[in-house]
C-alpha cells in the first residue's frame, strides 16, 4: 500500500514540459522540445565598442517562450534550461579563458517588484555548468530606468545614461563574460562597457541567450 501511494504521488506530481506538457521525462523542458532549439552560427553576432557579442539563438519559438517564462512569469525553475542552452552553445566555441561571469544587474526598485534577477539566476546555473565564477558585486544598477522595449536605440542609450556604477575593488583583472538574456539593440551592453572603460576594465566578452533576427 505504501509503495502504491508513493507511486501515485510520483505520478501526480511529475514535472510536465512547459512547451508540450509531456511528463514522461519528468522535466520542465523535455529533450524533444530542447532539440527543436536552433543555435546560431559559432561566431560573434556583433561588435559593440570593440567587444564581441555572442548570441546563442534567435529570439523566437521555444527560446522566446523560455526566456519570457523565466523573466516575467516567476518560472525560476526554468532558468536551468536557459543556462543549458547557453552552455551548449558556449562550450563549442572552445574558449580557454577563465572568465568571471557578470550578469546584467537590476535596479533595487525593479528587483523589489520582480523579486528576483532572472539573468543572475541563469548566470549562476551557467557557472555550475562551465566552472566559471559569478561576480555580482562588480557592477550595480543605481538608476531605475523605464522599460526599454518601446524605445529606439538612441532613446535606450539616453535612458541608461549613468544607470550603472562599477565597484573596481571587486575586480582582480580577470577576463569578464558579461551575460544578459536578450540582445536587441545592444544599448544595455554598451552602457555597461562604457562604465567599465571609465575604470580601465576592457577585457570583456558579451554573451546573451538570444537576439532578434530581422
N, C-alpha and C. Protein backbone atom coordinates (compact mmCIF):
# COMPACT_ATOMS: atom_id res chain seq x y z
N UNK A 1 0.83 -1.21 0.00
CA UNK A 1 0.00 0.00 0.00
C UNK A 1 0.87 1.26 0.00
N UNK A 2 1.92 1.21 0.84
CA UNK A 2 2.81 2.37 0.93
C UNK A 2 3.48 2.63 -0.41
N UNK A 3 3.96 1.56 -1.06
CA UNK A 3 4.62 1.71 -2.37
C UNK A 3 3.63 2.23 -3.42
N UNK A 4 2.40 1.76 -3.33
CA UNK A 4 1.38 2.22 -4.26
C UNK A 4 1.14 3.72 -4.10
N UNK A 5 1.04 4.18 -2.86
CA UNK A 5 0.80 5.60 -2.59
C UNK A 5 1.97 6.45 -3.05
N UNK A 6 3.19 5.93 -2.86
CA UNK A 6 4.38 6.65 -3.32
C UNK A 6 4.39 6.76 -4.83
N UNK A 7 4.03 5.67 -5.49
CA UNK A 7 3.99 5.67 -6.95
C UNK A 7 2.92 6.62 -7.46
N UNK A 8 1.77 6.62 -6.78
CA UNK A 8 0.68 7.51 -7.17
C UNK A 8 1.08 8.97 -7.00
N UNK A 9 1.74 9.26 -5.88
CA UNK A 9 2.19 10.63 -5.62
C UNK A 9 3.21 11.07 -6.67
N UNK A 10 4.10 10.14 -7.01
CA UNK A 10 5.12 10.44 -8.01
C UNK A 10 4.48 10.72 -9.37
N UNK A 11 3.44 9.96 -9.68
CA UNK A 11 2.74 10.16 -10.96
C UNK A 11 2.00 11.50 -10.98
N UNK A 12 1.36 11.83 -9.88
CA UNK A 12 0.58 13.07 -9.80
C UNK A 12 1.47 14.29 -9.91
N UNK A 13 2.63 14.22 -9.26
CA UNK A 13 3.49 15.40 -9.18
C UNK A 13 4.65 15.39 -10.17
N UNK A 14 4.54 14.53 -11.18
CA UNK A 14 5.59 14.51 -12.19
C UNK A 14 5.63 15.86 -12.91
N UNK A 15 6.84 16.27 -13.24
CA UNK A 15 7.01 17.54 -13.95
C UNK A 15 6.56 17.38 -15.39
N UNK A 16 5.90 18.41 -15.90
CA UNK A 16 5.48 18.43 -17.30
C UNK A 16 6.29 19.45 -18.08
N UNK A 17 6.63 19.12 -19.30
CA UNK A 17 7.32 20.06 -20.17
C UNK A 17 6.44 21.29 -20.36
N UNK A 18 7.00 22.46 -20.15
CA UNK A 18 6.18 23.67 -20.23
C UNK A 18 5.79 24.00 -21.68
N UNK A 19 6.42 23.35 -22.64
CA UNK A 19 6.07 23.55 -24.05
C UNK A 19 4.99 22.58 -24.50
N UNK A 20 5.23 21.29 -24.33
CA UNK A 20 4.32 20.28 -24.88
C UNK A 20 3.51 19.52 -23.83
N UNK A 21 3.78 19.76 -22.54
CA UNK A 21 3.07 19.14 -21.42
C UNK A 21 3.37 17.65 -21.25
N UNK A 22 4.36 17.13 -21.98
CA UNK A 22 4.75 15.73 -21.82
C UNK A 22 5.41 15.54 -20.45
N UNK A 23 5.03 14.47 -19.75
CA UNK A 23 5.58 14.22 -18.41
C UNK A 23 6.45 12.97 -18.35
N UNK A 24 6.69 12.32 -19.48
CA UNK A 24 7.45 11.06 -19.48
C UNK A 24 8.85 11.23 -18.91
N UNK A 25 9.49 12.35 -19.20
CA UNK A 25 10.88 12.55 -18.75
C UNK A 25 10.96 13.25 -17.39
N UNK A 26 9.81 13.64 -16.85
CA UNK A 26 9.79 14.33 -15.56
C UNK A 26 10.68 15.58 -15.60
N UNK A 27 10.60 16.31 -16.71
CA UNK A 27 11.40 17.52 -16.91
C UNK A 27 10.49 18.68 -17.32
N UNK A 28 10.88 19.90 -16.94
CA UNK A 28 10.11 21.09 -17.31
C UNK A 28 10.37 21.51 -18.76
N UNK A 29 11.44 20.98 -19.35
CA UNK A 29 11.68 21.14 -20.79
C UNK A 29 12.20 19.80 -21.28
N UNK A 30 11.37 19.08 -22.00
CA UNK A 30 11.73 17.72 -22.42
C UNK A 30 12.78 17.76 -23.53
N UNK A 31 13.43 16.64 -23.73
CA UNK A 31 14.51 16.57 -24.71
C UNK A 31 14.00 16.82 -26.13
N UNK A 32 12.77 16.40 -26.41
CA UNK A 32 12.20 16.61 -27.74
C UNK A 32 12.08 18.10 -28.04
N UNK A 33 11.57 18.86 -27.08
CA UNK A 33 11.43 20.31 -27.28
C UNK A 33 12.78 21.02 -27.24
N UNK A 34 13.67 20.54 -26.36
CA UNK A 34 15.01 21.13 -26.31
C UNK A 34 15.72 20.96 -27.65
N UNK A 35 15.54 19.80 -28.26
CA UNK A 35 16.21 19.52 -29.53
C UNK A 35 15.63 20.30 -30.71
N UNK A 36 14.49 20.95 -30.49
CA UNK A 36 13.92 21.82 -31.53
C UNK A 36 14.64 23.17 -31.59
N UNK A 37 15.41 23.47 -30.55
CA UNK A 37 16.09 24.76 -30.48
C UNK A 37 17.19 24.81 -31.55
N UNK A 38 17.18 25.86 -32.32
CA UNK A 38 18.19 26.05 -33.36
C UNK A 38 19.20 27.10 -32.89
N UNK A 39 20.46 26.71 -32.93
CA UNK A 39 21.52 27.60 -32.48
C UNK A 39 22.04 28.44 -33.64
N UNK A 40 22.47 29.63 -33.32
CA UNK A 40 23.09 30.50 -34.31
C UNK A 40 24.51 30.02 -34.59
N UNK A 41 25.12 30.48 -35.68
CA UNK A 41 26.48 30.06 -36.02
C UNK A 41 27.47 30.35 -34.89
N UNK A 42 28.51 29.54 -34.80
CA UNK A 42 29.52 29.69 -33.75
C UNK A 42 30.49 30.81 -34.12
N UNK A 43 29.98 32.01 -34.04
CA UNK A 43 30.77 33.21 -34.32
C UNK A 43 30.10 34.38 -33.63
N UNK A 44 30.85 35.44 -33.41
CA UNK A 44 30.24 36.57 -32.73
C UNK A 44 29.15 37.18 -33.60
N UNK A 45 28.10 37.65 -32.95
CA UNK A 45 26.92 38.16 -33.62
C UNK A 45 27.08 39.62 -34.03
N UNK A 46 27.81 40.36 -33.21
CA UNK A 46 28.06 41.78 -33.48
C UNK A 46 29.23 42.26 -32.64
N UNK A 47 29.66 43.48 -32.94
CA UNK A 47 30.72 44.14 -32.17
C UNK A 47 30.13 45.39 -31.54
N UNK A 48 30.32 45.54 -30.23
CA UNK A 48 29.89 46.75 -29.53
C UNK A 48 31.10 47.36 -28.85
N UNK A 49 31.49 48.54 -29.29
CA UNK A 49 32.66 49.23 -28.72
C UNK A 49 33.89 48.30 -28.68
N UNK A 50 34.12 47.63 -29.78
CA UNK A 50 35.25 46.72 -29.95
C UNK A 50 35.14 45.43 -29.14
N UNK A 51 33.99 45.18 -28.52
CA UNK A 51 33.80 43.96 -27.75
C UNK A 51 32.90 43.00 -28.53
N UNK A 52 33.28 41.75 -28.55
CA UNK A 52 32.49 40.76 -29.27
C UNK A 52 31.26 40.34 -28.46
N UNK A 53 30.15 40.23 -29.18
CA UNK A 53 28.89 39.81 -28.56
C UNK A 53 28.45 38.50 -29.21
N UNK A 54 28.37 37.45 -28.41
CA UNK A 54 27.90 36.15 -28.88
C UNK A 54 26.46 35.96 -28.44
N UNK A 55 25.64 35.43 -29.33
CA UNK A 55 24.23 35.16 -29.03
C UNK A 55 23.95 33.72 -29.42
N UNK A 56 23.42 32.95 -28.49
CA UNK A 56 23.27 31.52 -28.73
C UNK A 56 22.18 31.19 -29.75
N UNK A 57 21.06 31.93 -29.69
CA UNK A 57 19.90 31.56 -30.51
C UNK A 57 19.15 32.79 -30.99
N UNK A 58 18.29 32.56 -31.95
CA UNK A 58 17.35 33.60 -32.34
C UNK A 58 16.25 33.70 -31.28
N UNK A 59 15.80 34.93 -31.03
CA UNK A 59 14.74 35.16 -30.05
C UNK A 59 13.40 34.83 -30.70
N UNK A 60 13.06 33.54 -30.65
CA UNK A 60 11.85 33.07 -31.33
C UNK A 60 11.48 31.69 -30.78
N UNK A 61 10.25 31.29 -31.02
CA UNK A 61 9.77 29.94 -30.73
C UNK A 61 10.06 29.50 -29.28
N UNK A 62 10.69 28.32 -29.12
CA UNK A 62 10.94 27.76 -27.79
C UNK A 62 11.76 28.71 -26.93
N UNK A 63 12.80 29.30 -27.52
CA UNK A 63 13.68 30.19 -26.76
C UNK A 63 12.91 31.41 -26.24
N UNK A 64 12.10 31.99 -27.07
CA UNK A 64 11.32 33.16 -26.64
C UNK A 64 10.40 32.80 -25.48
N UNK A 65 9.73 31.66 -25.59
CA UNK A 65 8.85 31.22 -24.51
C UNK A 65 9.63 30.95 -23.23
N UNK A 66 10.79 30.33 -23.38
CA UNK A 66 11.63 30.01 -22.23
C UNK A 66 12.06 31.29 -21.50
N UNK A 67 12.61 32.24 -22.25
CA UNK A 67 13.09 33.48 -21.65
C UNK A 67 11.96 34.25 -20.98
N UNK A 68 10.83 34.34 -21.65
CA UNK A 68 9.71 35.11 -21.10
C UNK A 68 9.13 34.45 -19.85
N UNK A 69 9.11 33.13 -19.82
CA UNK A 69 8.61 32.44 -18.63
C UNK A 69 9.53 32.64 -17.44
N UNK A 70 10.83 32.61 -17.68
CA UNK A 70 11.78 32.86 -16.59
C UNK A 70 11.70 34.31 -16.13
N UNK A 71 11.60 35.22 -17.07
CA UNK A 71 11.71 36.65 -16.78
C UNK A 71 10.43 37.25 -16.20
N UNK A 72 9.29 36.89 -16.75
CA UNK A 72 8.05 37.59 -16.41
C UNK A 72 7.03 36.76 -15.61
N UNK A 73 7.18 35.44 -15.62
CA UNK A 73 6.12 34.60 -15.06
C UNK A 73 6.58 33.76 -13.87
N UNK A 74 7.66 34.21 -13.24
CA UNK A 74 8.12 33.59 -11.99
C UNK A 74 8.45 32.10 -12.14
N UNK A 75 8.82 31.71 -13.35
CA UNK A 75 9.18 30.31 -13.61
C UNK A 75 10.70 30.14 -13.43
N UNK A 76 11.17 30.40 -12.22
CA UNK A 76 12.62 30.40 -11.97
C UNK A 76 13.24 29.02 -12.20
N UNK A 77 12.42 27.97 -12.03
CA UNK A 77 12.96 26.63 -12.22
C UNK A 77 13.36 26.36 -13.67
N UNK A 78 12.90 27.21 -14.59
CA UNK A 78 13.28 27.05 -15.99
C UNK A 78 14.63 27.67 -16.31
N UNK A 79 15.18 28.41 -15.36
CA UNK A 79 16.48 29.07 -15.60
C UNK A 79 17.58 28.05 -15.89
N UNK A 80 17.47 26.88 -15.29
CA UNK A 80 18.49 25.86 -15.52
C UNK A 80 18.52 25.44 -17.00
N UNK A 81 17.37 25.44 -17.66
CA UNK A 81 17.31 25.07 -19.08
C UNK A 81 17.84 26.20 -19.95
N UNK A 82 17.57 27.43 -19.55
CA UNK A 82 18.14 28.57 -20.28
C UNK A 82 19.66 28.55 -20.19
N UNK A 83 20.17 28.23 -19.00
CA UNK A 83 21.61 28.12 -18.83
C UNK A 83 22.18 26.96 -19.65
N UNK A 84 21.43 25.87 -19.72
CA UNK A 84 21.86 24.71 -20.51
C UNK A 84 21.96 25.07 -21.98
N UNK A 85 21.00 25.86 -22.47
CA UNK A 85 21.05 26.33 -23.86
C UNK A 85 22.32 27.14 -24.09
N UNK A 86 22.59 28.06 -23.18
CA UNK A 86 23.76 28.93 -23.33
C UNK A 86 25.05 28.11 -23.28
N UNK A 87 25.11 27.18 -22.35
CA UNK A 87 26.34 26.38 -22.23
C UNK A 87 26.52 25.45 -23.42
N UNK A 88 25.43 24.91 -23.96
CA UNK A 88 25.51 24.04 -25.14
C UNK A 88 26.16 24.77 -26.31
N UNK A 89 25.86 26.05 -26.41
CA UNK A 89 26.47 26.88 -27.46
C UNK A 89 27.90 27.25 -27.08
N UNK A 90 28.08 27.74 -25.86
CA UNK A 90 29.36 28.30 -25.44
C UNK A 90 30.50 27.27 -25.48
N UNK A 91 30.23 26.05 -25.05
CA UNK A 91 31.30 25.05 -24.96
C UNK A 91 31.87 24.72 -26.33
N UNK A 92 31.07 24.92 -27.38
CA UNK A 92 31.55 24.63 -28.72
C UNK A 92 32.40 25.75 -29.31
N UNK A 93 32.46 26.88 -28.61
CA UNK A 93 33.34 27.96 -29.04
C UNK A 93 34.80 27.70 -28.63
N UNK A 94 34.98 26.75 -27.72
CA UNK A 94 36.32 26.37 -27.26
C UNK A 94 37.10 27.56 -26.70
N UNK A 95 36.42 28.34 -25.86
CA UNK A 95 37.07 29.45 -25.18
C UNK A 95 37.87 28.90 -24.00
N UNK A 96 39.14 29.30 -23.90
CA UNK A 96 40.00 28.75 -22.87
C UNK A 96 40.23 29.69 -21.69
N UNK A 97 39.77 30.93 -21.80
CA UNK A 97 39.96 31.88 -20.71
C UNK A 97 39.13 31.47 -19.49
N UNK A 98 39.66 31.77 -18.31
CA UNK A 98 38.94 31.50 -17.07
C UNK A 98 38.16 32.76 -16.68
N UNK A 99 36.97 32.89 -17.24
CA UNK A 99 36.19 34.10 -17.08
C UNK A 99 35.57 34.22 -15.68
N UNK A 100 35.32 35.46 -15.28
CA UNK A 100 34.33 35.69 -14.24
C UNK A 100 33.06 36.12 -14.97
N UNK A 101 31.95 35.61 -14.51
CA UNK A 101 30.67 35.88 -15.15
C UNK A 101 29.98 37.04 -14.42
N UNK A 102 29.63 38.07 -15.18
CA UNK A 102 28.96 39.24 -14.62
C UNK A 102 27.57 39.36 -15.26
N UNK A 103 26.53 39.04 -14.51
CA UNK A 103 25.17 39.20 -15.06
C UNK A 103 24.75 40.66 -15.05
N UNK A 104 24.00 41.07 -16.05
CA UNK A 104 23.47 42.43 -16.09
C UNK A 104 22.58 42.63 -14.86
N UNK A 105 22.85 43.66 -14.05
CA UNK A 105 22.10 43.83 -12.80
C UNK A 105 20.76 44.54 -12.99
N UNK A 106 19.88 44.36 -12.03
CA UNK A 106 18.63 45.09 -11.96
C UNK A 106 18.75 46.22 -10.93
N UNK A 107 17.93 47.24 -11.08
CA UNK A 107 17.87 48.28 -10.06
C UNK A 107 17.17 47.72 -8.82
N UNK A 108 17.37 48.38 -7.68
CA UNK A 108 16.72 47.93 -6.44
C UNK A 108 15.20 47.96 -6.60
N UNK A 109 14.70 48.98 -7.29
CA UNK A 109 13.25 49.10 -7.46
C UNK A 109 12.69 47.96 -8.31
N UNK A 110 13.38 47.67 -9.42
CA UNK A 110 12.92 46.58 -10.29
C UNK A 110 13.05 45.22 -9.59
N UNK A 111 14.12 45.07 -8.83
CA UNK A 111 14.34 43.82 -8.10
C UNK A 111 13.25 43.62 -7.04
N UNK A 112 12.88 44.70 -6.38
CA UNK A 112 11.83 44.62 -5.36
C UNK A 112 10.50 44.23 -5.99
N UNK A 113 10.23 44.75 -7.17
CA UNK A 113 8.97 44.46 -7.84
C UNK A 113 8.94 43.03 -8.39
N UNK A 114 10.04 42.61 -9.03
CA UNK A 114 10.08 41.29 -9.66
C UNK A 114 10.43 40.20 -8.67
N UNK A 115 11.12 40.57 -7.59
CA UNK A 115 11.55 39.65 -6.52
C UNK A 115 12.82 38.89 -6.84
N UNK A 116 13.28 38.92 -8.08
CA UNK A 116 14.50 38.20 -8.44
C UNK A 116 15.06 38.79 -9.74
N UNK A 117 16.37 38.60 -9.93
CA UNK A 117 17.02 38.98 -11.18
C UNK A 117 17.19 37.71 -12.01
N UNK A 118 16.40 37.58 -13.05
CA UNK A 118 16.42 36.35 -13.84
C UNK A 118 17.77 36.10 -14.49
N UNK A 119 18.48 37.16 -14.87
CA UNK A 119 19.79 36.99 -15.50
C UNK A 119 20.79 36.43 -14.50
N UNK A 120 20.71 36.90 -13.26
CA UNK A 120 21.61 36.38 -12.22
C UNK A 120 21.36 34.91 -11.95
N UNK A 121 20.09 34.50 -11.95
CA UNK A 121 19.77 33.09 -11.73
C UNK A 121 20.31 32.24 -12.87
N UNK A 122 20.10 32.69 -14.10
CA UNK A 122 20.61 31.96 -15.27
C UNK A 122 22.14 31.91 -15.24
N UNK A 123 22.77 33.03 -14.91
CA UNK A 123 24.24 33.09 -14.85
C UNK A 123 24.79 32.14 -13.79
N UNK A 124 24.09 32.03 -12.67
CA UNK A 124 24.51 31.10 -11.61
C UNK A 124 24.48 29.67 -12.11
N UNK A 125 23.41 29.31 -12.81
CA UNK A 125 23.31 27.96 -13.37
C UNK A 125 24.35 27.74 -14.47
N UNK A 126 24.61 28.76 -15.25
CA UNK A 126 25.63 28.67 -16.30
C UNK A 126 27.01 28.40 -15.68
N UNK A 127 27.28 29.04 -14.57
CA UNK A 127 28.57 28.84 -13.89
C UNK A 127 28.71 27.42 -13.35
N UNK A 128 27.61 26.83 -12.91
CA UNK A 128 27.66 25.44 -12.45
C UNK A 128 28.08 24.51 -13.58
N UNK A 129 27.63 24.83 -14.79
CA UNK A 129 27.95 24.00 -15.95
C UNK A 129 29.36 24.28 -16.48
N UNK A 130 29.75 25.53 -16.47
CA UNK A 130 31.03 25.92 -17.10
C UNK A 130 32.23 25.89 -16.15
N UNK A 131 31.94 25.95 -14.86
CA UNK A 131 33.03 26.03 -13.88
C UNK A 131 33.54 27.44 -13.66
N UNK A 132 32.93 28.43 -14.30
CA UNK A 132 33.31 29.83 -14.09
C UNK A 132 32.79 30.30 -12.73
N UNK A 133 33.27 31.47 -12.33
CA UNK A 133 32.85 32.09 -11.08
C UNK A 133 31.98 33.31 -11.37
N UNK A 134 30.88 33.42 -10.67
CA UNK A 134 29.99 34.56 -10.86
C UNK A 134 30.43 35.71 -9.94
N UNK A 135 30.29 36.93 -10.44
CA UNK A 135 30.62 38.12 -9.65
C UNK A 135 29.44 39.10 -9.78
N UNK A 136 28.67 39.22 -8.72
CA UNK A 136 27.51 40.11 -8.74
C UNK A 136 27.78 41.43 -8.01
N UNK A 137 29.02 41.61 -7.57
CA UNK A 137 29.37 42.81 -6.82
C UNK A 137 30.18 43.81 -7.64
N UNK A 138 30.57 43.43 -8.83
CA UNK A 138 31.44 44.29 -9.63
C UNK A 138 30.71 45.50 -10.19
N UNK A 139 29.48 45.31 -10.62
CA UNK A 139 28.72 46.43 -11.16
C UNK A 139 27.30 46.39 -10.64
N UNK A 140 26.77 47.56 -10.32
CA UNK A 140 25.41 47.69 -9.79
C UNK A 140 24.61 48.64 -10.68
N UNK A 141 23.31 48.44 -10.68
CA UNK A 141 22.40 49.34 -11.40
C UNK A 141 21.85 50.34 -10.37
N UNK A 142 22.22 51.59 -10.51
CA UNK A 142 21.88 52.59 -9.49
C UNK A 142 20.73 53.50 -9.93
N UNK A 143 20.23 53.29 -11.12
CA UNK A 143 19.15 54.12 -11.65
C UNK A 143 18.02 53.22 -12.12
N UNK A 144 16.82 53.54 -11.68
CA UNK A 144 15.66 52.74 -12.07
C UNK A 144 15.13 53.25 -13.41
N UNK A 145 15.63 52.68 -14.49
CA UNK A 145 15.27 53.13 -15.83
C UNK A 145 13.89 52.60 -16.22
N UNK A 146 13.25 53.29 -17.15
CA UNK A 146 11.95 52.82 -17.63
C UNK A 146 12.15 51.67 -18.62
N UNK A 147 11.07 50.95 -18.88
CA UNK A 147 11.13 49.80 -19.79
C UNK A 147 11.66 50.22 -21.16
N UNK A 148 12.48 49.35 -21.75
CA UNK A 148 13.19 49.71 -22.97
C UNK A 148 12.50 49.29 -24.26
N UNK A 149 11.55 48.36 -24.18
CA UNK A 149 11.09 47.68 -25.40
C UNK A 149 10.43 48.59 -26.44
N UNK A 150 9.92 49.76 -26.01
CA UNK A 150 9.29 50.67 -26.96
C UNK A 150 10.22 51.80 -27.39
N UNK A 151 11.45 51.79 -26.91
CA UNK A 151 12.37 52.89 -27.18
C UNK A 151 13.28 52.59 -28.36
N UNK A 152 13.69 53.63 -29.06
CA UNK A 152 14.69 53.49 -30.11
C UNK A 152 16.05 53.27 -29.46
N UNK A 153 17.05 52.92 -30.27
CA UNK A 153 18.38 52.70 -29.71
C UNK A 153 18.91 53.96 -29.05
N UNK A 154 18.70 55.10 -29.68
CA UNK A 154 19.16 56.38 -29.13
C UNK A 154 18.48 56.66 -27.80
N UNK A 155 17.17 56.41 -27.76
CA UNK A 155 16.41 56.63 -26.52
C UNK A 155 16.85 55.66 -25.43
N UNK A 156 17.17 54.45 -25.82
CA UNK A 156 17.65 53.47 -24.83
C UNK A 156 18.97 53.90 -24.21
N UNK A 157 19.87 54.38 -25.03
CA UNK A 157 21.17 54.83 -24.51
C UNK A 157 20.99 56.00 -23.56
N UNK A 158 20.08 56.92 -23.91
CA UNK A 158 19.81 58.05 -23.03
C UNK A 158 19.16 57.58 -21.73
N UNK A 159 18.26 56.63 -21.85
CA UNK A 159 17.57 56.06 -20.70
C UNK A 159 18.56 55.41 -19.74
N UNK A 160 19.61 54.82 -20.28
CA UNK A 160 20.59 54.08 -19.49
C UNK A 160 21.78 54.94 -19.04
N UNK A 161 21.77 56.22 -19.40
CA UNK A 161 22.89 57.09 -19.03
C UNK A 161 23.02 57.15 -17.50
N UNK A 162 24.23 56.90 -17.02
CA UNK A 162 24.54 56.92 -15.58
C UNK A 162 23.71 55.91 -14.78
N UNK A 163 23.28 54.84 -15.44
CA UNK A 163 22.46 53.84 -14.76
C UNK A 163 23.28 52.82 -13.99
N UNK A 164 24.57 52.70 -14.32
CA UNK A 164 25.41 51.67 -13.71
C UNK A 164 26.60 52.28 -12.98
N UNK A 165 27.05 51.57 -11.95
CA UNK A 165 28.25 52.01 -11.24
C UNK A 165 29.14 50.81 -10.95
N UNK A 166 30.40 50.94 -11.32
CA UNK A 166 31.38 49.87 -11.12
C UNK A 166 32.02 50.00 -9.74
N UNK A 167 32.23 48.86 -9.11
CA UNK A 167 32.98 48.80 -7.85
C UNK A 167 34.32 48.14 -8.13
N UNK A 168 35.34 48.93 -8.55
CA UNK A 168 36.60 48.34 -9.01
C UNK A 168 37.35 47.54 -7.95
N UNK A 169 37.04 47.75 -6.68
CA UNK A 169 37.71 46.98 -5.63
C UNK A 169 37.30 45.51 -5.67
N UNK A 170 36.24 45.22 -6.42
CA UNK A 170 35.77 43.83 -6.56
C UNK A 170 36.26 43.18 -7.85
N UNK A 171 37.32 43.73 -8.42
CA UNK A 171 37.85 43.22 -9.68
C UNK A 171 39.34 42.91 -9.55
N UNK A 172 39.75 41.73 -10.04
CA UNK A 172 41.14 41.28 -9.94
C UNK A 172 41.75 40.99 -11.30
N UNK A 173 41.37 41.79 -12.29
CA UNK A 173 41.96 41.70 -13.64
C UNK A 173 41.61 40.43 -14.40
N UNK A 174 40.54 39.75 -14.01
CA UNK A 174 40.12 38.58 -14.76
C UNK A 174 39.38 38.99 -16.04
N UNK A 175 39.41 38.14 -17.06
CA UNK A 175 38.55 38.40 -18.23
C UNK A 175 37.09 38.28 -17.81
N UNK A 176 36.26 39.18 -18.33
CA UNK A 176 34.85 39.24 -17.94
C UNK A 176 33.97 38.66 -19.04
N UNK A 177 33.02 37.83 -18.64
CA UNK A 177 31.97 37.38 -19.53
C UNK A 177 30.68 38.04 -19.05
N UNK A 178 30.25 39.06 -19.77
CA UNK A 178 29.07 39.84 -19.42
C UNK A 178 27.83 39.15 -20.02
N UNK A 179 26.91 38.74 -19.16
CA UNK A 179 25.78 37.92 -19.59
C UNK A 179 24.46 38.66 -19.46
N UNK A 180 23.62 38.50 -20.50
CA UNK A 180 22.25 39.01 -20.47
C UNK A 180 21.36 37.98 -21.16
N UNK A 181 20.04 38.17 -21.06
CA UNK A 181 19.15 37.20 -21.70
C UNK A 181 18.93 37.50 -23.18
N UNK A 182 18.65 38.77 -23.51
CA UNK A 182 18.38 39.13 -24.91
C UNK A 182 19.19 40.37 -25.29
N UNK A 183 19.80 40.32 -26.45
CA UNK A 183 20.48 41.49 -27.01
C UNK A 183 19.64 41.99 -28.18
N UNK A 184 18.99 43.14 -28.00
CA UNK A 184 18.16 43.70 -29.07
C UNK A 184 18.95 44.76 -29.83
N UNK A 185 19.06 45.94 -29.26
CA UNK A 185 19.88 46.99 -29.89
C UNK A 185 21.31 46.97 -29.37
N UNK A 186 21.52 46.32 -28.23
CA UNK A 186 22.85 46.32 -27.61
C UNK A 186 23.10 47.50 -26.70
N UNK A 187 22.07 48.32 -26.45
CA UNK A 187 22.25 49.53 -25.65
C UNK A 187 22.67 49.23 -24.22
N UNK A 188 22.09 48.21 -23.61
CA UNK A 188 22.44 47.87 -22.23
C UNK A 188 23.89 47.43 -22.13
N UNK A 189 24.30 46.56 -23.03
CA UNK A 189 25.69 46.10 -23.03
C UNK A 189 26.64 47.27 -23.27
N UNK A 190 26.28 48.14 -24.19
CA UNK A 190 27.13 49.30 -24.50
C UNK A 190 27.28 50.20 -23.28
N UNK A 191 26.20 50.44 -22.57
CA UNK A 191 26.26 51.30 -21.39
C UNK A 191 27.16 50.71 -20.32
N UNK A 192 27.09 49.40 -20.14
CA UNK A 192 27.94 48.74 -19.14
C UNK A 192 29.39 48.75 -19.57
N UNK A 193 29.65 48.49 -20.84
CA UNK A 193 31.03 48.51 -21.36
C UNK A 193 31.64 49.90 -21.15
N UNK A 194 30.87 50.94 -21.42
CA UNK A 194 31.36 52.31 -21.22
C UNK A 194 31.71 52.56 -19.76
N UNK A 195 30.86 52.08 -18.87
CA UNK A 195 31.11 52.28 -17.44
C UNK A 195 32.36 51.52 -17.00
N UNK A 196 32.54 50.31 -17.50
CA UNK A 196 33.76 49.56 -17.20
C UNK A 196 34.99 50.32 -17.70
N UNK A 197 34.89 50.88 -18.90
CA UNK A 197 36.03 51.58 -19.50
C UNK A 197 36.51 52.76 -18.65
N UNK A 198 35.60 53.39 -17.93
CA UNK A 198 35.98 54.50 -17.05
C UNK A 198 36.97 54.06 -15.97
N UNK A 199 36.97 52.77 -15.69
CA UNK A 199 37.84 52.23 -14.65
C UNK A 199 38.96 51.38 -15.24
N UNK A 200 39.16 51.52 -16.55
CA UNK A 200 40.23 50.79 -17.21
C UNK A 200 39.97 49.31 -17.37
N UNK A 201 38.73 48.90 -17.26
CA UNK A 201 38.37 47.48 -17.41
C UNK A 201 37.91 47.26 -18.85
N UNK A 202 38.72 46.55 -19.60
CA UNK A 202 38.45 46.41 -21.04
C UNK A 202 38.41 44.97 -21.54
N UNK A 203 38.84 44.02 -20.73
CA UNK A 203 38.88 42.62 -21.17
C UNK A 203 37.49 42.01 -20.98
N UNK A 204 36.61 42.30 -21.93
CA UNK A 204 35.19 41.95 -21.79
C UNK A 204 34.70 41.22 -23.04
N UNK A 205 33.99 40.13 -22.83
CA UNK A 205 33.24 39.44 -23.89
C UNK A 205 31.79 39.40 -23.44
N UNK A 206 30.88 39.61 -24.37
CA UNK A 206 29.45 39.62 -24.06
C UNK A 206 28.78 38.37 -24.60
N UNK A 207 27.80 37.87 -23.85
CA UNK A 207 27.12 36.64 -24.24
C UNK A 207 25.67 36.71 -23.80
N UNK A 208 24.75 36.51 -24.75
CA UNK A 208 23.32 36.51 -24.42
C UNK A 208 22.67 35.22 -24.92
N UNK A 209 21.55 34.90 -24.31
CA UNK A 209 20.83 33.69 -24.73
C UNK A 209 20.33 33.84 -26.17
N UNK A 210 19.82 35.03 -26.47
CA UNK A 210 19.17 35.19 -27.78
C UNK A 210 19.27 36.61 -28.30
N UNK A 211 18.95 36.74 -29.59
CA UNK A 211 18.86 38.05 -30.22
C UNK A 211 17.80 37.98 -31.31
N UNK A 212 17.01 39.02 -31.51
CA UNK A 212 16.07 39.02 -32.63
C UNK A 212 16.82 39.05 -33.96
N UNK A 213 16.34 38.30 -34.92
CA UNK A 213 16.93 38.30 -36.26
C UNK A 213 15.92 38.97 -37.19
N UNK A 214 16.31 40.07 -37.78
CA UNK A 214 15.41 40.82 -38.64
C UNK A 214 15.65 40.46 -40.10
